[in-house]
C-alpha atoms as a PDB file:
ATOM      1  CA  UNK A   1     122.197  85.194  59.422  1.00  0.00           C
ATOM      2  CA  UNK A   2     123.232  81.407  59.157  1.00  0.00           C
ATOM      3  CA  UNK A   3     120.383  79.386  58.645  1.00  0.00           C
ATOM      4  CA  UNK A   4     120.743  76.174  60.851  1.00  0.00           C
ATOM      5  CA  UNK A   5     117.118  74.667  61.354  1.00  0.00           C
ATOM      6  CA  UNK A   6     115.491  72.074  59.579  1.00  0.00           C
ATOM      7  CA  UNK A   7     111.879  73.826  60.647  1.00  0.00           C
ATOM      8  CA  UNK A   8     113.228  77.174  58.892  1.00  0.00           C
ATOM      9  CA  UNK A   9     110.379  77.908  56.367  1.00  0.00           C
ATOM     10  CA  UNK A  10     112.844  78.399  53.215  1.00  0.00           C
ATOM     11  CA  UNK A  11     114.594  74.813  54.095  1.00  0.00           C
ATOM     12  CA  UNK A  12     111.460  73.170  54.595  1.00  0.00           C
ATOM     13  CA  UNK A  13     109.663  74.977  51.008  1.00  0.00           C
ATOM     14  CA  UNK A  14     113.241  73.932  49.296  1.00  0.00           C
ATOM     15  CA  UNK A  15     112.906  70.028  50.231  1.00  0.00           C
ATOM     16  CA  UNK A  16     109.288  69.607  49.410  1.00  0.00           C
ATOM     17  CA  UNK A  17     110.141  71.097  46.244  1.00  0.00           C
ATOM     18  CA  UNK A  18     112.627  68.470  45.706  1.00  0.00           C
ATOM     19  CA  UNK A  19     110.623  65.643  47.064  1.00  0.00           C
ATOM     20  CA  UNK A  20     107.266  66.170  45.360  1.00  0.00           C
ATOM     21  CA  UNK A  21     106.366  66.773  41.714  1.00  0.00           C
ATOM     22  CA  UNK A  22     102.774  67.903  42.661  1.00  0.00           C
ATOM     23  CA  UNK A  23     104.429  70.902  44.863  1.00  0.00           C
ATOM     24  CA  UNK A  24     106.525  71.689  41.698  1.00  0.00           C
ATOM     25  CA  UNK A  25     103.723  71.776  39.255  1.00  0.00           C
ATOM     26  CA  UNK A  26     101.773  73.888  41.637  1.00  0.00           C
ATOM     27  CA  UNK A  27     104.507  76.340  41.805  1.00  0.00           C
ATOM     28  CA  UNK A  28     105.776  76.382  38.710  1.00  0.00           C
ATOM     29  CA  UNK A  29     109.240  75.844  40.390  1.00  0.00           C
ATOM     30  CA  UNK A  30     112.218  73.263  40.421  1.00  0.00           C
ATOM     31  CA  UNK A  31     115.101  72.955  42.437  1.00  0.00           C
ATOM     32  CA  UNK A  32     119.051  72.931  40.974  1.00  0.00           C
ATOM     33  CA  UNK A  33     121.680  71.444  42.880  1.00  0.00           C
ATOM     34  CA  UNK A  34     125.650  71.503  42.548  1.00  0.00           C
ATOM     35  CA  UNK A  35     128.247  74.139  41.595  1.00  0.00           C
ATOM     36  CA  UNK A  36     128.170  72.998  37.634  1.00  0.00           C
ATOM     37  CA  UNK A  37     124.236  73.100  37.569  1.00  0.00           C
ATOM     38  CA  UNK A  38     123.956  76.198  39.540  1.00  0.00           C
ATOM     39  CA  UNK A  39     126.426  78.482  37.418  1.00  0.00           C
ATOM     40  CA  UNK A  40     124.947  76.385  34.105  1.00  0.00           C
ATOM     41  CA  UNK A  41     121.539  77.909  35.426  1.00  0.00           C
ATOM     42  CA  UNK A  42     122.602  81.435  35.851  1.00  0.00           C
ATOM     43  CA  UNK A  43     124.706  81.641  32.816  1.00  0.00           C
ATOM     44  CA  UNK A  44     121.588  79.933  30.743  1.00  0.00           C
ATOM     45  CA  UNK A  45     119.475  82.828  31.680  1.00  0.00           C
ATOM     46  CA  UNK A  46     116.811  80.714  33.915  1.00  0.00           C
ATOM     47  CA  UNK A  47     115.370  82.528  36.564  1.00  0.00           C
ATOM     48  CA  UNK A  48     116.444  81.878  39.674  1.00  0.00           C
ATOM     49  CA  UNK A  49     113.902  82.714  42.749  1.00  0.00           C
ATOM     50  CA  UNK A  50     116.406  81.846  45.745  1.00  0.00           C
ATOM     51  CA  UNK A  51     119.673  80.538  46.263  1.00  0.00           C
ATOM     52  CA  UNK A  52     121.229  78.525  49.612  1.00  0.00           C
ATOM     53  CA  UNK A  53     125.038  78.211  49.954  1.00  0.00           C
ATOM     54  CA  UNK A  54     126.613  76.198  52.898  1.00  0.00           C
ATOM     55  CA  UNK A  55     129.482  78.081  54.811  1.00  0.00           C
ATOM     56  CA  UNK A  56     131.899  75.680  53.187  1.00  0.00           C
ATOM     57  CA  UNK A  57     130.916  75.785  49.845  1.00  0.00           C
ATOM     58  CA  UNK A  58     131.217  79.634  49.875  1.00  0.00           C
ATOM     59  CA  UNK A  59     134.967  78.945  50.878  1.00  0.00           C
ATOM     60  CA  UNK A  60     135.744  76.159  48.995  1.00  0.00           C
ATOM     61  CA  UNK A  61     134.040  77.534  45.452  1.00  0.00           C
ATOM     62  CA  UNK A  62     134.957  81.158  45.855  1.00  0.00           C
ATOM     63  CA  UNK A  63     134.243  81.687  42.304  1.00  0.00           C
ATOM     64  CA  UNK A  64     131.112  80.335  41.923  1.00  0.00           C
ATOM     65  CA  UNK A  65     129.968  82.202  45.099  1.00  0.00           C
ATOM     66  CA  UNK A  66     131.453  85.713  43.917  1.00  0.00           C
ATOM     67  CA  UNK A  67     129.469  84.779  40.393  1.00  0.00           C
ATOM     68  CA  UNK A  68     126.298  84.077  42.082  1.00  0.00           C
ATOM     69  CA  UNK A  69     126.576  87.015  44.366  1.00  0.00           C
ATOM     70  CA  UNK A  70     126.752  89.087  41.558  1.00  0.00           C
ATOM     71  CA  UNK A  71     123.300  88.397  40.768  1.00  0.00           C
ATOM     72  CA  UNK A  72     121.887  88.226  44.105  1.00  0.00           C
ATOM     73  CA  UNK A  73     122.425  87.739  47.783  1.00  0.00           C
ATOM     74  CA  UNK A  74     122.624  83.992  48.167  1.00  0.00           C
ATOM     75  CA  UNK A  75     121.365  82.876  51.668  1.00  0.00           C
ATOM     76  CA  UNK A  76     123.758  80.741  54.141  1.00  0.00           C
ATOM     77  CA  UNK A  77     123.106  77.728  55.633  1.00  0.00           C
ATOM     78  CA  UNK A  78     125.196  75.397  57.600  1.00  0.00           C
ATOM     79  CA  UNK A  79     126.756  72.389  56.354  1.00  0.00           C
ATOM     80  CA  UNK A  80     124.068  70.136  58.320  1.00  0.00           C
ATOM     81  CA  UNK A  81     120.874  72.169  56.520  1.00  0.00           C
ATOM     82  CA  UNK A  82     123.128  71.366  53.058  1.00  0.00           C
ATOM     83  CA  UNK A  83     122.922  67.513  53.925  1.00  0.00           C
ATOM     84  CA  UNK A  84     119.530  67.634  55.011  1.00  0.00           C
ATOM     85  CA  UNK A  85     117.941  69.192  51.796  1.00  0.00           C
ATOM     86  CA  UNK A  86     120.417  67.749  49.038  1.00  0.00           C
ATOM     87  CA  UNK A  87     119.594  64.909  46.965  1.00  0.00           C
ATOM     88  CA  UNK A  88     122.869  63.647  46.972  1.00  0.00           C
ATOM     89  CA  UNK A  89     125.216  61.540  48.891  1.00  0.00           C
ATOM     90  CA  UNK A  90     128.298  64.329  48.891  1.00  0.00           C
ATOM     91  CA  UNK A  91     126.305  67.419  48.295  1.00  0.00           C
ATOM     92  CA  UNK A  92     128.427  70.033  47.023  1.00  0.00           C
ATOM     93  CA  UNK A  93     126.604  72.871  49.095  1.00  0.00           C
ATOM     94  CA  UNK A  94     125.318  75.148  46.335  1.00  0.00           C
ATOM     95  CA  UNK A  95     121.352  75.183  45.724  1.00  0.00           C
ATOM     96  CA  UNK A  96     118.894  76.855  43.598  1.00  0.00           C
ATOM     97  CA  UNK A  97     115.092  77.307  43.137  1.00  0.00           C
ATOM     98  CA  UNK A  98     114.727  78.447  39.673  1.00  0.00           C
ATOM     99  CA  UNK A  99     111.017  79.070  37.655  1.00  0.00           C
ATOM    100  CA  UNK A 100     110.538  76.084  35.156  1.00  0.00           C
ATOM    101  CA  UNK A 101     111.735  76.536  31.897  1.00  0.00           C
ATOM    102  CA  UNK A 102     108.893  78.325  30.214  1.00  0.00           C
ATOM    103  CA  UNK A 103     110.616  79.831  27.328  1.00  0.00           C
ATOM    104  CA  UNK A 104     112.200  76.500  26.141  1.00  0.00           C
ATOM    105  CA  UNK A 105     109.067  74.130  27.529  1.00  0.00           C
ATOM    106  CA  UNK A 106     106.672  75.158  24.307  1.00  0.00           C
ATOM    107  CA  UNK A 107     105.143  73.617  21.296  1.00  0.00           C
ATOM    108  CA  UNK A 108     108.204  72.048  19.798  1.00  0.00           C
ATOM    109  CA  UNK A 109     108.389  73.334  16.057  1.00  0.00           C
ATOM    110  CA  UNK A 110     107.015  70.463  13.796  1.00  0.00           C
ATOM    111  CA  UNK A 111     108.078  71.806  10.563  1.00  0.00           C
ATOM    112  CA  UNK A 112     111.481  70.112   9.921  1.00  0.00           C
ATOM    113  CA  UNK A 113     114.164  68.487  11.856  1.00  0.00           C
ATOM    114  CA  UNK A 114     115.021  65.173  13.826  1.00  0.00           C
ATOM    115  CA  UNK A 115     112.914  64.683  17.169  1.00  0.00           C
ATOM    116  CA  UNK A 116     112.858  61.482  20.199  1.00  0.00           C
ATOM    117  CA  UNK A 117     109.717  61.129  21.213  1.00  0.00           C
ATOM    118  CA  UNK A 118     109.458  59.420  24.778  1.00  0.00           C
ATOM    119  CA  UNK A 119     106.296  57.261  25.598  1.00  0.00           C
ATOM    120  CA  UNK A 120     105.808  56.675  29.428  1.00  0.00           C
ATOM    121  CA  UNK A 121     109.359  56.389  30.540  1.00  0.00           C
ATOM    122  CA  UNK A 122     109.344  55.963  34.386  1.00  0.00           C
ATOM    123  CA  UNK A 123     113.273  55.943  34.800  1.00  0.00           C
ATOM    124  CA  UNK A 124     114.436  59.526  35.737  1.00  0.00           C
ATOM    125  CA  UNK A 125     118.048  58.543  35.073  1.00  0.00           C
ATOM    126  CA  UNK A 126     117.328  57.294  31.610  1.00  0.00           C
ATOM    127  CA  UNK A 127     115.290  60.534  30.868  1.00  0.00           C
ATOM    128  CA  UNK A 128     118.258  62.589  31.855  1.00  0.00           C
ATOM    129  CA  UNK A 129     120.580  60.845  29.951  1.00  0.00           C
ATOM    130  CA  UNK A 130     118.566  61.305  27.030  1.00  0.00           C
ATOM    131  CA  UNK A 131     118.011  65.021  27.409  1.00  0.00           C
ATOM    132  CA  UNK A 132     122.000  65.077  27.433  1.00  0.00           C
ATOM    133  CA  UNK A 133     122.410  62.680  24.403  1.00  0.00           C
ATOM    134  CA  UNK A 134     120.008  64.638  22.232  1.00  0.00           C
ATOM    135  CA  UNK A 135     121.782  68.031  23.589  1.00  0.00           C
ATOM    136  CA  UNK A 136     125.067  66.712  22.723  1.00  0.00           C
ATOM    137  CA  UNK A 137     124.361  64.827  19.340  1.00  0.00           C
ATOM    138  CA  UNK A 138     122.503  68.171  17.746  1.00  0.00           C
ATOM    139  CA  UNK A 139     118.662  66.623  18.195  1.00  0.00           C
ATOM    140  CA  UNK A 140     116.408  69.330  17.371  1.00  0.00           C
ATOM    141  CA  UNK A 141     113.692  68.478  19.957  1.00  0.00           C
ATOM    142  CA  UNK A 142     112.483  66.147  22.548  1.00  0.00           C
ATOM    143  CA  UNK A 143     108.817  65.292  23.157  1.00  0.00           C
ATOM    144  CA  UNK A 144     107.522  63.376  26.305  1.00  0.00           C
ATOM    145  CA  UNK A 145     104.067  62.049  26.783  1.00  0.00           C
ATOM    146  CA  UNK A 146     102.548  63.065  30.281  1.00  0.00           C
ATOM    147  CA  UNK A 147     103.242  59.773  31.464  1.00  0.00           C
ATOM    148  CA  UNK A 148     106.446  60.103  31.693  1.00  0.00           C
ATOM    149  CA  UNK A 149     108.561  60.641  34.778  1.00  0.00           C
ATOM    150  CA  UNK A 150     108.483  64.439  36.098  1.00  0.00           C
ATOM    151  CA  UNK A 151     111.232  66.135  33.974  1.00  0.00           C
ATOM    152  CA  UNK A 152     111.824  68.389  36.540  1.00  0.00           C
ATOM    153  CA  UNK A 153     112.636  66.076  39.226  1.00  0.00           C
ATOM    154  CA  UNK A 154     116.233  66.251  41.136  1.00  0.00           C
ATOM    155  CA  UNK A 155     117.581  62.891  39.481  1.00  0.00           C
ATOM    156  CA  UNK A 156     116.345  64.222  35.569  1.00  0.00           C
ATOM    157  CA  UNK A 157     117.938  67.595  36.418  1.00  0.00           C
ATOM    158  CA  UNK A 158     121.164  66.053  37.388  1.00  0.00           C
ATOM    159  CA  UNK A 159     121.518  63.466  34.990  1.00  0.00           C
ATOM    160  CA  UNK A 160     120.700  65.955  32.136  1.00  0.00           C
ATOM    161  CA  UNK A 161     123.854  67.848  33.130  1.00  0.00           C
ATOM    162  CA  UNK A 162     122.691  71.258  32.366  1.00  0.00           C
ATOM    163  CA  UNK A 163     121.538  70.053  28.540  1.00  0.00           C
ATOM    164  CA  UNK A 164     117.760  70.730  30.002  1.00  0.00           C
ATOM    165  CA  UNK A 165     118.573  74.433  30.311  1.00  0.00           C
ATOM    166  CA  UNK A 166     119.165  74.433  26.600  1.00  0.00           C
ATOM    167  CA  UNK A 167     117.324  71.585  24.758  1.00  0.00           C
ATOM    168  CA  UNK A 168     113.676  72.443  23.382  1.00  0.00           C
ATOM    169  CA  UNK A 169     111.346  69.979  24.908  1.00  0.00           C
ATOM    170  CA  UNK A 170     107.558  69.853  25.029  1.00  0.00           C
ATOM    171  CA  UNK A 171     105.113  67.393  27.607  1.00  0.00           C
ATOM    172  CA  UNK A 172     101.798  66.837  25.591  1.00  0.00           C
ATOM    173  CA  UNK A 173      99.732  64.021  24.292  1.00  0.00           C
ATOM    174  CA  UNK A 174     101.632  62.191  21.825  1.00  0.00           C
ATOM    175  CA  UNK A 175      99.070  60.933  19.001  1.00  0.00           C
ATOM    176  CA  UNK A 176      97.884  64.486  18.274  1.00  0.00           C
ATOM    177  CA  UNK A 177     101.397  65.658  18.347  1.00  0.00           C
ATOM    178  CA  UNK A 178     102.232  62.826  16.022  1.00  0.00           C
ATOM    179  CA  UNK A 179      99.757  63.595  13.657  1.00  0.00           C
ATOM    180  CA  UNK A 180     100.801  67.331  13.548  1.00  0.00           C
ATOM    181  CA  UNK A 181     104.248  65.991  12.881  1.00  0.00           C
ATOM    182  CA  UNK A 182     103.396  63.784   9.923  1.00  0.00           C
ATOM    183  CA  UNK A 183     101.145  66.436   8.358  1.00  0.00           C
ATOM    184  CA  UNK A 184     104.415  68.836   8.054  1.00  0.00           C
ATOM    185  CA  UNK A 185     106.242  66.274   6.339  1.00  0.00           C
ATOM    186  CA  UNK A 186     108.415  64.773   9.522  1.00  0.00           C
ATOM    187  CA  UNK A 187     108.753  60.730   8.986  1.00  0.00           C
ATOM    188  CA  UNK A 188     107.892  59.171  12.718  1.00  0.00           C
ATOM    189  CA  UNK A 189     108.988  55.668  13.523  1.00  0.00           C
ATOM    190  CA  UNK A 190     108.140  53.639  16.377  1.00  0.00           C
ATOM    191  CA  UNK A 191     111.028  51.320  17.977  1.00  0.00           C
ATOM    192  CA  UNK A 192     110.196  47.963  18.592  1.00  0.00           C
ATOM    193  CA  UNK A 193     112.146  45.027  19.280  1.00  0.00           C
ATOM    194  CA  UNK A 194     110.650  43.163  16.347  1.00  0.00           C
ATOM    195  CA  UNK A 195     112.623  41.916  13.389  1.00  0.00           C
ATOM    196  CA  UNK A 196     109.422  42.508  11.327  1.00  0.00           C
ATOM    197  CA  UNK A 197     109.871  46.284  11.570  1.00  0.00           C
ATOM    198  CA  UNK A 198     112.612  48.009   9.244  1.00  0.00           C
ATOM    199  CA  UNK A 199     116.141  47.535  10.333  1.00  0.00           C
ATOM    200  CA  UNK A 200     118.204  50.825  11.423  1.00  0.00           C
ATOM    201  CA  UNK A 201     121.208  48.821   9.395  1.00  0.00           C
ATOM    202  CA  UNK A 202     119.039  48.883   6.454  1.00  0.00           C
ATOM    203  CA  UNK A 203     116.626  52.573   6.806  1.00  0.00           C
ATOM    204  CA  UNK A 204     118.263  55.612   5.785  1.00  0.00           C
ATOM    205  CA  UNK A 205     116.298  58.076   8.334  1.00  0.00           C
ATOM    206  CA  UNK A 206     114.873  61.030   6.122  1.00  0.00           C
ATOM    207  CA  UNK A 207     116.186  64.454   6.788  1.00  0.00           C
ATOM    208  CA  UNK A 208     113.072  65.296   8.885  1.00  0.00           C
ATOM    209  CA  UNK A 209     112.098  62.368  11.162  1.00  0.00           C
ATOM    210  CA  UNK A 210     111.832  61.496  14.684  1.00  0.00           C
ATOM    211  CA  UNK A 211     111.652  57.972  16.683  1.00  0.00           C
ATOM    212  CA  UNK A 212     109.531  56.977  19.465  1.00  0.00           C
ATOM    213  CA  UNK A 213     111.203  55.466  22.589  1.00  0.00           C
ATOM    214  CA  UNK A 214     108.653  53.239  24.885  1.00  0.00           C
ATOM    215  CA  UNK A 215     108.327  52.417  28.119  1.00  0.00           C
ATOM    216  CA  UNK A 216     110.985  50.464  29.805  1.00  0.00           C
ATOM    217  CA  UNK A 217     108.671  47.223  30.433  1.00  0.00           C
ATOM    218  CA  UNK A 218     105.892  47.867  28.100  1.00  0.00           C
ATOM    219  CA  UNK A 219     107.211  49.602  25.288  1.00  0.00           C
ATOM    220  CA  UNK A 220     105.072  52.001  23.273  1.00  0.00           C
ATOM    221  CA  UNK A 221     101.513  52.067  23.776  1.00  0.00           C
ATOM    222  CA  UNK A 222      98.834  50.911  20.843  1.00  0.00           C
ATOM    223  CA  UNK A 223      97.830  54.067  20.014  1.00  0.00           C
ATOM    224  CA  UNK A 224     100.753  55.788  19.560  1.00  0.00           C
ATOM    225  CA  UNK A 225     102.199  53.089  17.185  1.00  0.00           C
ATOM    226  CA  UNK A 226      99.366  53.282  15.166  1.00  0.00           C
ATOM    227  CA  UNK A 227      99.930  57.005  14.748  1.00  0.00           C
ATOM    228  CA  UNK A 228     103.283  56.355  13.485  1.00  0.00           C
ATOM    229  CA  UNK A 229     104.313  55.973   9.947  1.00  0.00           C
ATOM    230  CA  UNK A 230     106.077  52.570  10.711  1.00  0.00           C
ATOM    231  CA  UNK A 231     108.090  50.900  13.120  1.00  0.00           C
ATOM    232  CA  UNK A 232     111.997  50.314  13.331  1.00  0.00           C
ATOM    233  CA  UNK A 233     114.623  48.339  15.282  1.00  0.00           C
ATOM    234  CA  UNK A 234     118.154  48.264  16.116  1.00  0.00           C
ATOM    235  CA  UNK A 235     119.509  44.575  15.599  1.00  0.00           C
ATOM    236  CA  UNK A 236     121.165  43.167  18.401  1.00  0.00           C
ATOM    237  CA  UNK A 237     123.197  40.008  19.072  1.00  0.00           C
ATOM    238  CA  UNK A 238     122.384  38.170  22.755  1.00  0.00           C
ATOM    239  CA  UNK A 239     120.441  40.731  24.876  1.00  0.00           C
ATOM    240  CA  UNK A 240     116.667  40.482  24.727  1.00  0.00           C
ATOM    241  CA  UNK A 241     116.718  44.273  24.562  1.00  0.00           C
ATOM    242  CA  UNK A 242     118.527  48.053  24.608  1.00  0.00           C
ATOM    243  CA  UNK A 243     118.326  50.355  27.649  1.00  0.00           C
ATOM    244  CA  UNK A 244     116.169  53.224  26.456  1.00  0.00           C
ATOM    245  CA  UNK A 245     118.482  55.860  26.917  1.00  0.00           C
ATOM    246  CA  UNK A 246     120.887  53.533  25.149  1.00  0.00           C
ATOM    247  CA  UNK A 247     118.380  52.960  21.973  1.00  0.00           C
ATOM    248  CA  UNK A 248     117.970  56.506  21.846  1.00  0.00           C
ATOM    249  CA  UNK A 249     121.641  57.120  21.533  1.00  0.00           C
ATOM    250  CA  UNK A 250     121.796  54.899  18.725  1.00  0.00           C
ATOM    251  CA  UNK A 251     118.723  57.030  17.056  1.00  0.00           C
ATOM    252  CA  UNK A 252     120.388  60.367  17.661  1.00  0.00           C
ATOM    253  CA  UNK A 253     123.501  59.375  16.169  1.00  0.00           C
ATOM    254  CA  UNK A 254     121.988  57.978  13.099  1.00  0.00           C
ATOM    255  CA  UNK A 255     119.846  61.188  12.719  1.00  0.00           C
ATOM    256  CA  UNK A 256     123.115  63.702  12.881  1.00  0.00           C
ATOM    257  CA  UNK A 257     124.607  61.360  10.301  1.00  0.00           C
ATOM    258  CA  UNK A 258     121.438  62.459   8.069  1.00  0.00           C
ATOM    259  CA  UNK A 259     121.875  66.061   9.015  1.00  0.00           C
ATOM    260  CA  UNK A 260     125.467  66.013   8.310  1.00  0.00           C
ATOM    261  CA  UNK A 261     125.343  64.268   5.021  1.00  0.00           C
END
């Protein structure tokens, strides 16, 4: 049977999961869309609770369709339904519902390593890009405050390009977490556009360290700043500040230099 009605319960549920954070949190589920992301989720061992594939996608991506079909029987939907539930302008026609990543969303090991901490970031694209950057540059984990945009939103999942399925992350209150990290020997810096702070150009980051990136408009909250060991900044020439994801990438690269030195 091919689903063609927008009122079908499976269609309505997928669409609600994609749009509503409260529904995702209540159900412990999130949506994944696109050929590459769906296959990566499958290969990463995520628990997929349902899969929908458009008629066109089944023919256009036979290898992906075969790999999915080998694990479970996907539901076939019309192209119209695919467009209706898609979060993109040009949907590829593959849609998963998956359980939240409990085996990775756990307390990040605070004994040693290199971490990025996000305090109240609201731009989903920034968060997804930071996840991807942390994964690409070998950062050991990402810690997010509860005030950050939902890490399971479709835009974050899409922007992360599969890195969400690999990177260890934790959503937690930051001040106690930072205290725990400092007690275990991790040096925590608050990134600030303040020339009175330490310059990244003149600072050799220790082997075990973390950098806090603040909200796009308001920066890092005072409580979190006060919980850090010190402040650090990236010297820039003319612009007032750097995009949060760009700043995180620079710090991740500096951490990588320490890791490989």
